Every structure is written in structure tokens, then in C-alpha cells.
Amino acid sequence: MSAIPQELLGLRVEVVRSLRRTAALHIVGSELQVRVPEHLGDERVAAILQQKRPWIRSKVAQLQLLPPPRQRELVSGESFPYLGRHYRLKVQEGHAVGVCLSGGILRATVRPQEQGDQRRARLHQYLERWYRARALERLGEKVDRHARQMGVTPAGVSVRAFRSRWGSCTQQGQVVFNWPIIKAPHPVVDYVVTHELAHLVHPNHSRAFWQLVECHCPAYAHHRTWLKAKALELLCPALPELVEAS
């Protein structure tokens, strides 16, 4: 039986082992993610959880005080971010359904018979599909450019929805990005791309890793701070993340 509790202070505990050198706790909604080096045993992980229990308790109390994230109404005139700029949504009826960016306006077409909750569900679906497609396209372009500058060759690029990270780099060299990052300004997106490509050289967060990131993105600390401050806005209606490194 594992020494690691399945639940702690109302949070579901998930342990993620990787090539990282240090341990870190991430609270996202009702989940406590414990990221640790792959060699760390269950008893040591349980000890870290016990040591960090006061921090976890304080952050749970902090989360309980946060207002619920504002839900999008998905109506004409609402503003949506894309690469640091905001574009107004215009909902129109027709049969060529979907979303496109045209003339500085996000035009969303839905079928006339779709009304109420069904219309909102369709609009949510079409907007996410549009964001994902743009993310794959633009991130692919950025990866190609930065990879040439850094002298690395990723195995591929993809996007998906993560709960508690902006990107990842697999052991096979595949770089994967959280699609909402495409809402952030260009310099911030470039930092995230540089960060993941740097893992092709250093599969950890060592001093050498951060030196490589800084070499290609001198303002990386500013962009990290921006992402922490704007995470809730970019991920809405997802929940905020709180992090504690050991």
C-alpha cells in the first residue's frame, strides 16, 4: 500500500514523476499535483506533503475566497484575446458554421434553429476549434524559427488542453503546448516556445537550463510573471493554479 494519501485537505493527490531535479506542488482547482524526480520514493513524497501541509492549508483557504470565474455569455460585442490583442465577437446565422477572423472581427456563424443553451454550446465548440487550429499553426511557425536559432530539432509539435502547465517536452522530443497560450502576446508565447525547446538540451530546470532560456529570451522572468498574473484570464473558465517548490 502506498504511503501517499489519495486525498489531502479536500484535494485529490496526483504524483507526477519526471527527470526534474526538485519537487514542486501545484494546486489546480480540487487537484494537488506533486511533481517530483523519478527516483523519489513514495515515503519521501509523503514526507514532502506533510512538510508542506501548512502551505497547502493556507492556499486551500485562499482559493475558497476567490470569486467564481466569470462565464462567457458568447454574444455579439464580447471581446476575445488572440496573440495579445482583443477582438469583438459577432454572432451571425447561416449554414457555413464556424469561426473566422475577418476585418478585425471574430465572426461566428451558427445555424438559425440553434437557440439558447444549444447556441451557446455550439459557439463554445466553434471558438475552441478556431483557437486550437490557430494555436497549432502559429506555434508551429514559432517552433520552426526558434529551433533554428537554438540549434535543436524537435520531433513534432502539437496542442492539447493542460490543467496546470503551458507546455511540455516529451522524452521523444515532441513539444506540446496548452492551446490557450495562443491568447497571450507574441513575446510571452515566444518565451513558452523557447522554454520547451530548451528542454531538448536540458530535460530539467537546472541552472544550465535557465541560462539557455535567458540566452534566447532575456526577458523570460518578466514573461513568467505575466503568465502567473494572467493565468486565470487565459484559462477561464478553468481554475487558477498555485505553485510551491521545495
Protein backbone atom coordinates (compact mmCIF):
# COMPACT_ATOMS: atom_id res chain seq x y z
CA MET A 1 0.00 0.00 0.00
CA SER A 2 1.38 3.43 -0.97
CA ALA A 3 2.34 5.88 1.77
CA ILE A 4 0.98 8.71 -0.35
CA PRO A 5 -2.58 9.76 0.58
CA GLN A 6 -5.16 9.77 -2.20
CA GLU A 7 -6.67 12.95 -0.76
CA LEU A 8 -5.29 15.75 1.39
CA LEU A 9 -7.30 18.65 2.86
CA GLY A 10 -10.05 18.06 0.33
CA LEU A 11 -7.69 17.91 -2.66
CA ARG A 12 -7.16 14.84 -4.85
CA VAL A 13 -3.44 13.99 -4.84
CA GLU A 14 -1.68 13.15 -8.10
CA VAL A 15 2.05 12.34 -8.25
CA VAL A 16 3.94 13.07 -11.48
CA ARG A 17 7.48 11.69 -11.74
CA SER A 18 9.89 13.01 -14.37
CA LEU A 19 13.55 13.91 -14.98
CA ARG A 20 13.23 17.10 -12.91
CA ARG A 21 15.69 17.66 -10.05
CA THR A 22 13.42 19.21 -7.44
CA ALA A 23 9.92 18.70 -6.10
CA ALA A 24 7.07 21.15 -6.58
CA LEU A 25 3.42 21.29 -5.54
CA HIS A 26 0.74 22.58 -7.89
CA ILE A 27 -2.84 23.22 -6.78
CA VAL A 28 -5.30 23.47 -9.65
CA GLY A 29 -8.94 23.59 -8.61
CA SER A 30 -9.56 20.49 -6.49
CA GLU A 31 -6.34 18.72 -7.52
CA LEU A 32 -2.96 18.74 -5.76
CA GLN A 33 -0.27 17.75 -8.24
CA VAL A 34 3.08 16.69 -6.76
CA ARG A 35 5.87 16.86 -9.34
CA VAL A 36 8.98 15.02 -8.20
CA PRO A 37 12.19 13.44 -9.60
CA GLU A 38 11.51 9.96 -10.96
CA HIS A 39 13.77 8.29 -8.39
CA LEU A 40 11.93 9.74 -5.37
CA GLY A 41 10.12 7.02 -3.38
CA ASP A 42 6.57 7.16 -2.02
CA GLU A 43 7.71 7.66 1.58
CA ARG A 44 9.75 10.72 0.63
CA VAL A 45 6.82 12.13 -1.33
CA ALA A 46 4.56 11.58 1.67
CA ALA A 47 7.10 13.40 3.86
CA ILE A 48 7.12 16.37 1.48
CA LEU A 49 3.32 16.53 1.64
CA GLN A 50 3.46 16.50 5.44
CA GLN A 51 6.12 19.22 5.47
CA LYS A 52 4.12 21.41 3.09
CA ARG A 53 0.81 20.83 4.85
CA PRO A 54 0.65 24.39 6.31
CA TRP A 55 1.22 25.86 2.81
CA ILE A 56 -1.46 23.60 1.33
CA ARG A 57 -3.94 24.57 4.07
CA SER A 58 -3.34 28.29 3.55
CA LYS A 59 -3.75 28.01 -0.22
CA VAL A 60 -6.96 25.99 0.09
CA ALA A 61 -8.35 28.78 2.28
CA GLN A 62 -7.16 31.34 -0.28
CA LEU A 63 -8.88 29.51 -3.13
CA GLN A 64 -12.13 29.35 -1.20
CA LEU A 65 -12.16 33.17 -1.03
CA LEU A 66 -11.73 33.63 -4.77
CA PRO A 67 -14.85 34.62 -6.73
CA PRO A 68 -16.00 32.07 -9.31
CA PRO A 69 -14.56 32.74 -12.79
CA ARG A 70 -16.77 34.87 -14.99
CA GLN A 71 -18.59 32.79 -17.55
CA ARG A 72 -18.65 33.99 -21.13
CA GLU A 73 -22.06 34.97 -22.45
CA LEU A 74 -20.98 34.24 -26.06
CA VAL A 75 -22.92 37.14 -27.56
CA SER A 76 -22.08 39.79 -30.15
CA GLY A 77 -19.83 42.51 -28.76
CA GLU A 78 -17.98 40.28 -26.31
CA SER A 79 -14.19 40.55 -26.51
CA PHE A 80 -11.80 37.61 -27.00
CA PRO A 81 -7.97 37.69 -26.84
CA TYR A 82 -5.70 36.34 -29.56
CA LEU A 83 -1.90 36.87 -29.53
CA GLY A 84 -2.23 39.78 -27.13
CA ARG A 85 -4.97 41.68 -28.96
CA HIS A 86 -8.70 41.64 -28.25
CA TYR A 87 -11.26 41.05 -30.97
CA ARG A 88 -15.00 41.60 -30.81
CA LEU A 89 -17.29 38.67 -31.43
CA LYS A 90 -20.08 38.97 -34.00
CA VAL A 91 -22.61 36.15 -33.92
CA GLN A 92 -24.48 35.61 -37.18
CA GLU A 93 -26.77 32.95 -38.59
CA GLY A 94 -26.05 30.80 -41.61
CA HIS A 95 -25.20 27.29 -42.72
CA ALA A 96 -21.41 27.65 -43.19
CA VAL A 97 -20.91 27.28 -39.43
CA GLY A 98 -17.69 28.06 -37.58
CA VAL A 99 -15.48 30.95 -36.57
CA CYS A 100 -13.14 33.11 -38.64
CA LEU A 101 -11.17 36.29 -38.01
CA SER A 102 -12.08 38.78 -40.70
CA GLY A 103 -11.70 42.55 -40.79
CA GLY A 104 -10.59 42.61 -37.16
CA ILE A 105 -13.77 40.84 -36.05
CA LEU A 106 -14.30 37.28 -34.83
CA ARG A 107 -17.27 36.18 -36.93
CA ALA A 108 -19.11 33.16 -35.52
CA THR A 109 -21.77 31.54 -37.69
CA VAL A 110 -24.41 29.27 -36.18
CA ARG A 111 -27.49 27.62 -37.66
CA PRO A 112 -30.72 29.65 -37.27
CA GLN A 113 -32.53 26.81 -35.49
CA GLU A 114 -29.89 26.64 -32.73
CA GLN A 115 -31.03 28.84 -29.86
CA GLY A 116 -30.46 29.29 -26.13
CA ASP A 117 -28.14 26.79 -24.44
CA GLN A 118 -27.66 24.88 -27.68
CA ARG A 119 -26.41 28.02 -29.42
CA ARG A 120 -24.00 28.81 -26.57
CA ALA A 121 -22.67 25.25 -26.63
CA ARG A 122 -22.10 25.46 -30.40
CA LEU A 123 -20.36 28.82 -30.10
CA HIS A 124 -18.08 27.47 -27.37
CA GLN A 125 -17.26 24.48 -29.58
CA TYR A 126 -16.56 26.62 -32.65
CA LEU A 127 -14.40 29.12 -30.74
CA GLU A 128 -12.28 26.42 -29.13
CA ARG A 129 -11.87 24.70 -32.50
CA TRP A 130 -10.74 28.02 -34.00
CA TYR A 131 -8.30 28.71 -31.16
CA ARG A 132 -6.81 25.21 -31.39
CA ALA A 133 -6.31 25.50 -35.14
CA ARG A 134 -4.66 28.91 -34.84
CA ALA A 135 -2.50 27.67 -31.95
CA LEU A 136 -1.21 24.70 -33.95
CA GLU A 137 -0.48 26.92 -36.96
CA ARG A 138 1.21 29.83 -35.19
CA LEU A 139 3.07 27.75 -32.60
CA GLY A 140 4.38 25.54 -35.39
CA GLU A 141 5.78 28.64 -37.12
CA LYS A 142 7.37 29.87 -33.90
CA VAL A 143 8.87 26.47 -33.10
CA ASP A 144 10.46 26.30 -36.56
CA ARG A 145 12.00 29.76 -36.17
CA HIS A 146 13.26 29.37 -32.60
CA ALA A 147 14.50 25.81 -33.17
CA ARG A 148 16.76 27.06 -35.97
CA GLN A 149 18.10 29.82 -33.73
CA MET A 150 18.73 27.41 -30.84
CA GLY A 151 20.17 24.63 -32.99
CA VAL A 152 17.66 21.99 -31.89
CA THR A 153 15.32 19.70 -33.81
CA PRO A 154 12.00 18.79 -32.17
CA ALA A 155 10.31 15.59 -33.25
CA GLY A 156 6.98 17.36 -33.74
CA VAL A 157 4.56 19.99 -32.48
CA SER A 158 1.05 19.52 -31.12
CA VAL A 159 -1.50 21.27 -28.92
CA ARG A 160 -3.82 19.98 -26.23
CA ALA A 161 -5.56 21.14 -23.06
CA PHE A 162 -3.43 21.01 -19.90
CA ARG A 163 -4.75 21.79 -16.45
CA SER A 164 -1.55 23.05 -14.87
CA ARG A 165 1.16 23.80 -17.43
CA TRP A 166 1.68 25.84 -20.58
CA GLY A 167 3.66 23.21 -22.42
CA SER A 168 5.75 20.08 -22.20
CA CYS A 169 8.58 18.33 -23.99
CA THR A 170 8.43 14.55 -24.15
CA GLN A 171 11.38 12.19 -23.93
CA GLN A 172 10.87 11.55 -27.65
CA GLY A 173 11.43 15.25 -28.41
CA GLN A 174 7.80 16.15 -29.10
CA VAL A 175 6.84 19.64 -27.91
CA VAL A 176 3.25 20.03 -26.77
CA PHE A 177 1.53 23.30 -25.90
CA ASN A 178 -1.56 24.22 -23.92
CA TRP A 179 -3.72 25.80 -26.63
CA PRO A 180 -4.92 28.83 -24.55
CA ILE A 181 -1.35 30.18 -24.63
CA ILE A 182 -2.20 31.49 -28.11
CA LYS A 183 -4.27 34.18 -26.38
CA ALA A 184 -1.10 35.69 -24.86
CA PRO A 185 1.06 38.41 -26.50
CA HIS A 186 3.71 37.32 -29.00
CA PRO A 187 6.71 37.80 -26.65
CA VAL A 188 5.07 35.64 -23.98
CA VAL A 189 4.27 32.89 -26.48
CA ASP A 190 7.85 33.09 -27.76
CA TYR A 191 9.09 32.56 -24.19
CA VAL A 192 6.95 29.44 -23.76
CA VAL A 193 8.25 28.08 -27.07
CA THR A 194 11.85 28.81 -26.05
CA HIS A 195 11.25 27.19 -22.67
CA GLU A 196 10.05 23.91 -24.17
CA LEU A 197 12.74 23.82 -26.85
CA ALA A 198 15.39 24.33 -24.16
CA HIS A 199 14.23 21.04 -22.65
CA LEU A 200 15.58 19.30 -25.74
CA VAL A 201 19.02 20.25 -24.43
CA HIS A 202 18.36 20.14 -20.68
CA PRO A 203 15.46 17.84 -19.63
CA ASN A 204 15.20 19.59 -16.24
CA HIS A 205 15.06 23.05 -14.69
CA SER A 206 18.72 23.27 -13.76
CA ARG A 207 20.80 26.44 -13.75
CA ALA A 208 22.12 25.50 -17.19
CA PHE A 209 18.54 25.21 -18.46
CA TRP A 210 17.61 28.71 -17.31
CA GLN A 211 20.85 30.11 -18.70
CA LEU A 212 19.93 28.69 -22.09
CA VAL A 213 16.43 30.16 -21.86
CA GLU A 214 17.84 33.56 -20.89
CA CYS A 215 20.33 33.44 -23.76
CA HIS A 216 17.47 33.23 -26.27
CA CYS A 217 14.83 35.11 -24.25
CA PRO A 218 16.49 37.73 -21.98
CA ALA A 219 13.13 38.96 -20.62
CA TYR A 220 11.92 35.47 -19.66
CA ALA A 221 11.44 36.38 -15.97
CA HIS A 222 9.05 39.18 -16.95
CA HIS A 223 7.07 36.83 -19.18
CA ARG A 224 6.86 34.19 -16.42
CA THR A 225 5.48 36.81 -14.04
CA TRP A 226 2.95 37.93 -16.66
CA LEU A 227 1.74 34.37 -17.17
CA LYS A 228 1.25 33.83 -13.44
CA ALA A 229 -0.77 37.03 -13.18
CA LYS A 230 -2.89 36.31 -16.27
CA ALA A 231 -3.36 32.55 -15.93
CA LEU A 232 -6.96 32.77 -14.73
CA GLU A 233 -7.90 35.15 -17.55
CA LEU A 234 -6.30 32.97 -20.24
CA LEU A 235 -7.63 29.68 -18.92
CA CYS A 236 -11.12 30.85 -17.91
CA PRO A 237 -13.36 29.01 -17.18
CA ALA A 238 -10.56 26.75 -15.90
CA LEU A 239 -9.37 27.20 -12.32
CA PRO A 240 -6.26 29.06 -11.09
CA GLU A 241 -3.03 27.31 -10.25
CA LEU A 242 -0.97 27.80 -7.11
CA VAL A 243 2.61 26.54 -7.00
CA GLU A 244 5.06 25.78 -4.21
CA ALA A 245 8.57 24.50 -4.94
CA SER A 246 10.51 22.54 -2.37
